Amino acid sequence: MVLFRSKPQTDTADLKRIGAKVRARLDADPAAYRIPVDDFEIYAVGEFFTRPECERLMGVVDGVARPSDTYSNDGGRTSYSGDVDPTDPFIRMLQRRIDDLIGLDPAYGETIQGQRYEPGQEFKAHFDHFRPSDPMWQQEMRNGGQRSWTAMAYLNAVEEGGTTDFPKVNLSVPPQPGALLIWNNMACDGRPNAKSLHAGRPVIRGVKYVLTKWYRSRPWN
């Protein structure tokens, strides 16, 4: 007979600590601009990657891109994506640069994922953090815990469309080559922030290339 159920693991204390650490790091960095929106932490760094780096990275993305997979079958993501080779010296250099910017141990970061969006492709509104209702929740809790911060870089300009929209805070960010966005998927108390909802709007003309790196509450396996 079961008298009680254990509460789902949430890593709230760790997420609160990580949020405070990254917040302090970015607030002290003159290159990081905190975008002024209410109750959601999001920063931007212009020209974080150089044009030659972006061009090289687009080739890397083309080499790994496959039809995107998501945790659900709702058809919300229609791009091409793939994990880059984390042992490649060029990729390792870029990963170290992102790790140093936000001040987290590299062990907490997932492998960088590249994404390519062609005309008509999009990623509908979603959260980067996991929810107990997600099919992979228990596995992800064992593999490094909850996602804390997201770092996403644009690699090129898009002729039309392809903005990253945060509908809960009325923010829309157009692709800008080399620009890096960094946002906290948690609120300041370490709990999932509903205002982190975001979408990759459909590309209308051109092709959009981005890189995304997620960080966990514990070392990622």
C-alpha atoms as a PDB file:
ATOM      1  CA  MET A   1       0.000   0.000   0.000  1.00  0.00           C
ATOM      2  CA  VAL A   2       1.411   3.387  -1.040  1.00  0.00           C
ATOM      3  CA  LEU A   3       0.876   6.024   1.647  1.00  0.00           C
ATOM      4  CA  PHE A   4       2.519   8.925  -0.149  1.00  0.00           C
ATOM      5  CA  ARG A   5       4.100   9.928  -3.405  1.00  0.00           C
ATOM      6  CA  SER A   6       7.481  11.584  -3.715  1.00  0.00           C
ATOM      7  CA  LYS A   7       7.459  15.065  -5.194  1.00  0.00           C
ATOM      8  CA  PRO A   8       8.897  15.445  -8.699  1.00  0.00           C
ATOM      9  CA  GLN A   9      12.509  16.613  -8.756  1.00  0.00           C
ATOM     10  CA  THR A  10      12.678  20.268  -9.754  1.00  0.00           C
ATOM     11  CA  ASP A  11      16.206  21.503  -8.839  1.00  0.00           C
ATOM     12  CA  THR A  12      14.670  24.791  -7.693  1.00  0.00           C
ATOM     13  CA  ALA A  13      17.463  25.764  -5.291  1.00  0.00           C
ATOM     14  CA  ASP A  14      20.165  25.052  -7.871  1.00  0.00           C
ATOM     15  CA  LEU A  15      18.268  26.952 -10.542  1.00  0.00           C
ATOM     16  CA  LYS A  16      17.869  29.970  -8.264  1.00  0.00           C
ATOM     17  CA  ARG A  17      21.604  29.949  -7.530  1.00  0.00           C
ATOM     18  CA  ILE A  18      22.538  29.564 -11.199  1.00  0.00           C
ATOM     19  CA  GLY A  19      20.158  32.356 -12.169  1.00  0.00           C
ATOM     20  CA  ALA A  20      21.746  34.725  -9.683  1.00  0.00           C
ATOM     21  CA  LYS A  21      25.268  33.803 -10.810  1.00  0.00           C
ATOM     22  CA  VAL A  22      24.624  34.351 -14.513  1.00  0.00           C
ATOM     23  CA  ARG A  23      22.597  37.510 -13.862  1.00  0.00           C
ATOM     24  CA  ALA A  24      25.486  39.056 -11.921  1.00  0.00           C
ATOM     25  CA  ARG A  25      27.964  38.042 -14.600  1.00  0.00           C
ATOM     26  CA  LEU A  26      25.981  39.529 -17.475  1.00  0.00           C
ATOM     27  CA  ASP A  27      24.992  42.686 -15.602  1.00  0.00           C
ATOM     28  CA  ALA A  28      28.703  43.365 -15.019  1.00  0.00           C
ATOM     29  CA  ASP A  29      29.639  42.839 -18.676  1.00  0.00           C
ATOM     30  CA  PRO A  30      29.461  46.067 -20.745  1.00  0.00           C
ATOM     31  CA  ALA A  31      29.017  44.038 -23.931  1.00  0.00           C
ATOM     32  CA  ALA A  32      25.807  42.421 -22.650  1.00  0.00           C
ATOM     33  CA  TYR A  33      22.645  44.493 -23.004  1.00  0.00           C
ATOM     34  CA  ARG A  34      19.731  43.585 -20.772  1.00  0.00           C
ATOM     35  CA  ILE A  35      16.561  43.969 -22.820  1.00  0.00           C
ATOM     36  CA  PRO A  36      14.041  45.952 -20.716  1.00  0.00           C
ATOM     37  CA  VAL A  37      11.022  43.676 -20.332  1.00  0.00           C
ATOM     38  CA  ASP A  38       9.037  42.881 -17.193  1.00  0.00           C
ATOM     39  CA  ASP A  39       9.594  39.711 -15.162  1.00  0.00           C
ATOM     40  CA  PHE A  40      11.807  37.993 -17.721  1.00  0.00           C
ATOM     41  CA  GLU A  41      15.600  38.040 -17.958  1.00  0.00           C
ATOM     42  CA  ILE A  42      16.934  38.298 -21.497  1.00  0.00           C
ATOM     43  CA  TYR A  43      20.222  39.767 -22.715  1.00  0.00           C
ATOM     44  CA  ALA A  44      21.738  40.476 -26.116  1.00  0.00           C
ATOM     45  CA  VAL A  45      25.353  40.701 -27.266  1.00  0.00           C
ATOM     46  CA  GLY A  46      25.875  42.181 -30.714  1.00  0.00           C
ATOM     47  CA  GLU A  47      28.462  40.668 -33.086  1.00  0.00           C
ATOM     48  CA  PHE A  48      29.347  37.920 -30.612  1.00  0.00           C
ATOM     49  CA  PHE A  49      30.492  35.858 -33.592  1.00  0.00           C
ATOM     50  CA  THR A  50      32.406  37.410 -36.496  1.00  0.00           C
ATOM     51  CA  ARG A  51      31.160  37.243 -40.084  1.00  0.00           C
ATOM     52  CA  PRO A  52      33.809  34.630 -41.064  1.00  0.00           C
ATOM     53  CA  GLU A  53      32.845  32.551 -38.017  1.00  0.00           C
ATOM     54  CA  CYS A  54      29.168  32.768 -38.965  1.00  0.00           C
ATOM     55  CA  GLU A  55      29.903  31.702 -42.541  1.00  0.00           C
ATOM     56  CA  ARG A  56      31.920  28.732 -41.328  1.00  0.00           C
ATOM     57  CA  LEU A  57      29.234  27.788 -38.827  1.00  0.00           C
ATOM     58  CA  MET A  58      26.537  27.826 -41.496  1.00  0.00           C
ATOM     59  CA  GLY A  59      28.544  25.201 -43.326  1.00  0.00           C
ATOM     60  CA  VAL A  60      28.780  23.178 -40.132  1.00  0.00           C
ATOM     61  CA  VAL A  61      25.004  23.381 -39.687  1.00  0.00           C
ATOM     62  CA  ASP A  62      24.442  22.231 -43.272  1.00  0.00           C
ATOM     63  CA  GLY A  63      26.618  19.219 -42.534  1.00  0.00           C
ATOM     64  CA  VAL A  64      24.565  18.048 -39.535  1.00  0.00           C
ATOM     65  CA  ALA A  65      21.065  19.293 -40.371  1.00  0.00           C
ATOM     66  CA  ARG A  66      18.301  16.699 -40.450  1.00  0.00           C
ATOM     67  CA  PRO A  67      14.516  17.092 -40.115  1.00  0.00           C
ATOM     68  CA  SER A  68      14.022  18.367 -36.571  1.00  0.00           C
ATOM     69  CA  ASP A  69      12.730  16.169 -33.786  1.00  0.00           C
ATOM     70  CA  THR A  70      10.829  17.378 -30.720  1.00  0.00           C
ATOM     71  CA  TYR A  71       9.491  15.769 -27.577  1.00  0.00           C
ATOM     72  CA  SER A  72       5.963  15.846 -28.969  1.00  0.00           C
ATOM     73  CA  ASN A  73       4.333  14.998 -32.271  1.00  0.00           C
ATOM     74  CA  ASP A  74       2.341  18.195 -32.642  1.00  0.00           C
ATOM     75  CA  GLY A  75       4.231  19.346 -35.723  1.00  0.00           C
ATOM     76  CA  GLY A  76       5.397  22.488 -33.946  1.00  0.00           C
ATOM     77  CA  ARG A  77       8.922  22.406 -35.339  1.00  0.00           C
ATOM     78  CA  THR A  78       9.512  22.119 -39.054  1.00  0.00           C
ATOM     79  CA  SER A  79      13.157  23.149 -39.399  1.00  0.00           C
ATOM     80  CA  TYR A  80      16.327  21.127 -39.944  1.00  0.00           C
ATOM     81  CA  SER A  81      18.660  20.662 -36.985  1.00  0.00           C
ATOM     82  CA  GLY A  82      21.526  18.636 -35.603  1.00  0.00           C
ATOM     83  CA  ASP A  83      24.174  18.582 -32.880  1.00  0.00           C
ATOM     84  CA  VAL A  84      27.591  19.808 -33.939  1.00  0.00           C
ATOM     85  CA  ASP A  85      30.763  17.860 -33.170  1.00  0.00           C
ATOM     86  CA  PRO A  86      31.794  18.984 -29.657  1.00  0.00           C
ATOM     87  CA  THR A  87      35.351  17.682 -30.183  1.00  0.00           C
ATOM     88  CA  ASP A  88      36.002  19.908 -33.207  1.00  0.00           C
ATOM     89  CA  PRO A  89      38.616  22.522 -32.166  1.00  0.00           C
ATOM     90  CA  PHE A  90      36.679  25.345 -33.823  1.00  0.00           C
ATOM     91  CA  ILE A  91      33.473  24.376 -32.013  1.00  0.00           C
ATOM     92  CA  ARG A  92      35.298  23.932 -28.703  1.00  0.00           C
ATOM     93  CA  MET A  93      36.683  27.459 -29.013  1.00  0.00           C
ATOM     94  CA  LEU A  94      33.202  28.899 -29.586  1.00  0.00           C
ATOM     95  CA  GLN A  95      31.719  26.856 -26.744  1.00  0.00           C
ATOM     96  CA  ARG A  96      34.382  28.170 -24.372  1.00  0.00           C
ATOM     97  CA  ARG A  97      33.525  31.707 -25.435  1.00  0.00           C
ATOM     98  CA  ILE A  98      29.854  31.213 -24.543  1.00  0.00           C
ATOM     99  CA  ASP A  99      30.742  29.450 -21.269  1.00  0.00           C
ATOM    100  CA  ASP A 100      33.010  32.329 -20.308  1.00  0.00           C
ATOM    101  CA  LEU A 101      30.389  34.946 -21.179  1.00  0.00           C
ATOM    102  CA  ILE A 102      27.774  33.509 -18.838  1.00  0.00           C
ATOM    103  CA  GLY A 103      30.211  32.158 -16.255  1.00  0.00           C
ATOM    104  CA  LEU A 104      28.988  28.574 -15.962  1.00  0.00           C
ATOM    105  CA  ASP A 105      31.015  25.393 -15.758  1.00  0.00           C
ATOM    106  CA  PRO A 106      31.206  23.836 -19.253  1.00  0.00           C
ATOM    107  CA  ALA A 107      29.982  20.564 -17.742  1.00  0.00           C
ATOM    108  CA  TYR A 108      26.525  22.137 -17.332  1.00  0.00           C
ATOM    109  CA  GLY A 109      26.168  22.880 -21.043  1.00  0.00           C
ATOM    110  CA  GLU A 110      24.578  20.656 -23.641  1.00  0.00           C
ATOM    111  CA  THR A 111      26.215  20.154 -27.021  1.00  0.00           C
ATOM    112  CA  ILE A 112      25.573  23.087 -29.352  1.00  0.00           C
ATOM    113  CA  GLN A 113      22.713  22.459 -31.760  1.00  0.00           C
ATOM    114  CA  GLY A 114      22.542  24.039 -35.200  1.00  0.00           C
ATOM    115  CA  GLN A 115      19.238  24.836 -36.895  1.00  0.00           C
ATOM    116  CA  ARG A 116      18.323  25.830 -40.439  1.00  0.00           C
ATOM    117  CA  TYR A 117      14.923  27.267 -41.357  1.00  0.00           C
ATOM    118  CA  GLU A 118      13.869  27.447 -44.994  1.00  0.00           C
ATOM    119  CA  PRO A 119      10.856  29.370 -46.371  1.00  0.00           C
ATOM    120  CA  GLY A 120       7.687  28.355 -44.546  1.00  0.00           C
ATOM    121  CA  GLN A 121       9.539  26.603 -41.719  1.00  0.00           C
ATOM    122  CA  GLU A 122       9.080  27.646 -38.095  1.00  0.00           C
ATOM    123  CA  PHE A 123       9.174  26.575 -34.457  1.00  0.00           C
ATOM    124  CA  LYS A 124       5.827  27.315 -32.866  1.00  0.00           C
ATOM    125  CA  ALA A 125       5.523  28.772 -29.362  1.00  0.00           C
ATOM    126  CA  HIS A 126       7.239  26.531 -26.826  1.00  0.00           C
ATOM    127  CA  PHE A 127       9.337  26.468 -23.666  1.00  0.00           C
ATOM    128  CA  ASP A 128      12.953  25.346 -23.481  1.00  0.00           C
ATOM    129  CA  HIS A 129      12.502  24.091 -19.933  1.00  0.00           C
ATOM    130  CA  PHE A 130      11.021  20.679 -19.235  1.00  0.00           C
ATOM    131  CA  ARG A 131       7.627  20.085 -17.652  1.00  0.00           C
ATOM    132  CA  PRO A 132       6.455  17.055 -15.643  1.00  0.00           C
ATOM    133  CA  SER A 133       4.024  16.318 -18.470  1.00  0.00           C
ATOM    134  CA  ASP A 134       6.881  16.013 -21.006  1.00  0.00           C
ATOM    135  CA  PRO A 135       7.453  12.393 -22.066  1.00  0.00           C
ATOM    136  CA  MET A 136      11.206  12.717 -21.404  1.00  0.00           C
ATOM    137  CA  TRP A 137      10.883  14.431 -17.996  1.00  0.00           C
ATOM    138  CA  GLN A 138      12.249  11.605 -15.825  1.00  0.00           C
ATOM    139  CA  GLN A 139      15.074  10.831 -18.224  1.00  0.00           C
ATOM    140  CA  GLU A 140      16.126  14.475 -18.460  1.00  0.00           C
ATOM    141  CA  MET A 141      16.083  14.822 -14.678  1.00  0.00           C
ATOM    142  CA  ARG A 142      18.637  11.999 -14.576  1.00  0.00           C
ATOM    143  CA  ASN A 143      20.662  13.478 -17.438  1.00  0.00           C
ATOM    144  CA  GLY A 144      21.516  16.797 -15.843  1.00  0.00           C
ATOM    145  CA  GLY A 145      18.243  18.186 -14.571  1.00  0.00           C
ATOM    146  CA  GLN A 146      16.211  21.155 -15.656  1.00  0.00           C
ATOM    147  CA  ARG A 147      17.311  23.605 -18.331  1.00  0.00           C
ATOM    148  CA  SER A 148      18.319  26.922 -16.823  1.00  0.00           C
ATOM    149  CA  TRP A 149      19.678  29.370 -19.418  1.00  0.00           C
ATOM    150  CA  THR A 150      19.472  29.373 -23.200  1.00  0.00           C
ATOM    151  CA  ALA A 151      22.102  30.952 -25.460  1.00  0.00           C
ATOM    152  CA  MET A 152      21.019  31.372 -29.086  1.00  0.00           C
ATOM    153  CA  ALA A 153      23.068  32.944 -31.875  1.00  0.00           C
ATOM    154  CA  TYR A 154      21.894  34.200 -35.243  1.00  0.00           C
ATOM    155  CA  LEU A 155      24.316  33.393 -38.043  1.00  0.00           C
ATOM    156  CA  ASN A 156      22.830  35.401 -40.904  1.00  0.00           C
ATOM    157  CA  ALA A 157      20.292  38.004 -41.919  1.00  0.00           C
ATOM    158  CA  VAL A 158      16.955  36.808 -43.327  1.00  0.00           C
ATOM    159  CA  GLU A 159      15.267  38.570 -46.228  1.00  0.00           C
ATOM    160  CA  GLU A 160      11.831  38.409 -44.602  1.00  0.00           C
ATOM    161  CA  GLY A 161      10.394  36.715 -41.519  1.00  0.00           C
ATOM    162  CA  GLY A 162      12.246  34.437 -39.121  1.00  0.00           C
ATOM    163  CA  THR A 163      11.993  36.610 -36.011  1.00  0.00           C
ATOM    164  CA  THR A 164      12.232  35.107 -32.533  1.00  0.00           C
ATOM    165  CA  ASP A 165       9.123  36.206 -30.667  1.00  0.00           C
ATOM    166  CA  PHE A 166       8.438  36.211 -26.929  1.00  0.00           C
ATOM    167  CA  PRO A 167       4.664  36.799 -26.891  1.00  0.00           C
ATOM    168  CA  LYS A 168       4.289  37.052 -23.102  1.00  0.00           C
ATOM    169  CA  VAL A 169       6.561  40.127 -22.997  1.00  0.00           C
ATOM    170  CA  ASN A 170       5.696  41.593 -26.412  1.00  0.00           C
ATOM    171  CA  LEU A 171       9.244  41.170 -27.746  1.00  0.00           C
ATOM    172  CA  SER A 172      10.260  40.300 -31.311  1.00  0.00           C
ATOM    173  CA  VAL A 173      13.934  39.974 -32.259  1.00  0.00           C
ATOM    174  CA  PRO A 174      14.911  39.897 -35.953  1.00  0.00           C
ATOM    175  CA  PRO A 175      17.907  37.856 -37.116  1.00  0.00           C
ATOM    176  CA  GLN A 176      21.158  39.818 -36.960  1.00  0.00           C
ATOM    177  CA  PRO A 177      24.384  38.094 -38.053  1.00  0.00           C
ATOM    178  CA  GLY A 178      26.574  37.161 -35.096  1.00  0.00           C
ATOM    179  CA  ALA A 179      24.166  38.413 -32.424  1.00  0.00           C
ATOM    180  CA  LEU A 180      23.707  36.277 -29.322  1.00  0.00           C
ATOM    181  CA  LEU A 181      20.571  36.160 -27.181  1.00  0.00           C
ATOM    182  CA  ILE A 182      20.771  34.766 -23.647  1.00  0.00           C
ATOM    183  CA  TRP A 183      17.679  34.220 -21.527  1.00  0.00           C
ATOM    184  CA  ASN A 184      16.739  32.633 -18.236  1.00  0.00           C
ATOM    185  CA  ASN A 185      14.074  29.953 -18.553  1.00  0.00           C
ATOM    186  CA  MET A 186      13.470  30.256 -14.815  1.00  0.00           C
ATOM    187  CA  ALA A 187      12.100  33.087 -12.701  1.00  0.00           C
ATOM    188  CA  CYS A 188      14.293  34.604  -9.997  1.00  0.00           C
ATOM    189  CA  ASP A 189      12.953  32.075  -7.478  1.00  0.00           C
ATOM    190  CA  GLY A 190      14.252  29.161  -9.563  1.00  0.00           C
ATOM    191  CA  ARG A 191      10.871  28.047 -10.839  1.00  0.00           C
ATOM    192  CA  PRO A 192       9.881  27.808 -14.538  1.00  0.00           C
ATOM    193  CA  ASN A 193       8.983  31.199 -15.954  1.00  0.00           C
ATOM    194  CA  ALA A 194       5.866  31.217 -18.143  1.00  0.00           C
ATOM    195  CA  LYS A 195       7.143  34.423 -19.747  1.00  0.00           C
ATOM    196  CA  SER A 196       9.985  32.494 -21.371  1.00  0.00           C
ATOM    197  CA  LEU A 197       7.512  31.195 -23.959  1.00  0.00           C
ATOM    198  CA  HIS A 198       8.997  31.856 -27.405  1.00  0.00           C
ATOM    199  CA  ALA A 199       8.604  30.996 -31.066  1.00  0.00           C
ATOM    200  CA  GLY A 200      10.710  30.984 -34.201  1.00  0.00           C
ATOM    201  CA  ARG A 201       8.366  32.697 -36.631  1.00  0.00           C
ATOM    202  CA  PRO A 202       8.123  31.361 -40.199  1.00  0.00           C
ATOM    203  CA  VAL A 203      10.762  32.370 -42.679  1.00  0.00           C
ATOM    204  CA  ILE A 204       9.075  34.080 -45.619  1.00  0.00           C
ATOM    205  CA  ARG A 205      12.054  34.763 -47.875  1.00  0.00           C
ATOM    206  CA  GLY A 206      15.602  33.525 -47.478  1.00  0.00           C
ATOM    207  CA  VAL A 207      17.065  30.968 -45.062  1.00  0.00           C
ATOM    208  CA  LYS A 208      17.726  31.375 -41.332  1.00  0.00           C
ATOM    209  CA  TYR A 209      20.650  29.785 -39.518  1.00  0.00           C
ATOM    210  CA  VAL A 210      20.939  29.715 -35.734  1.00  0.00           C
ATOM    211  CA  LEU A 211      22.961  27.992 -33.033  1.00  0.00           C
ATOM    212  CA  THR A 212      21.477  27.090 -29.660  1.00  0.00           C
ATOM    213  CA  LYS A 213      23.180  25.993 -26.447  1.00  0.00           C
ATOM    214  CA  TRP A 214      21.232  25.032 -23.341  1.00  0.00           C
ATOM    215  CA  TYR A 215      22.548  24.841 -19.802  1.00  0.00           C
ATOM    216  CA  ARG A 216      21.295  22.519 -17.058  1.00  0.00           C
ATOM    217  CA  SER A 217      20.918  22.735 -13.308  1.00  0.00           C
ATOM    218  CA  ARG A 218      23.505  19.969 -12.866  1.00  0.00           C
ATOM    219  CA  PRO A 219      26.310  18.531 -15.005  1.00  0.00           C
ATOM    220  CA  TRP A 220      24.828  17.256 -18.248  1.00  0.00           C
ATOM    221  CA  ASN A 221      25.326  13.631 -19.251  1.00  0.00           C
END
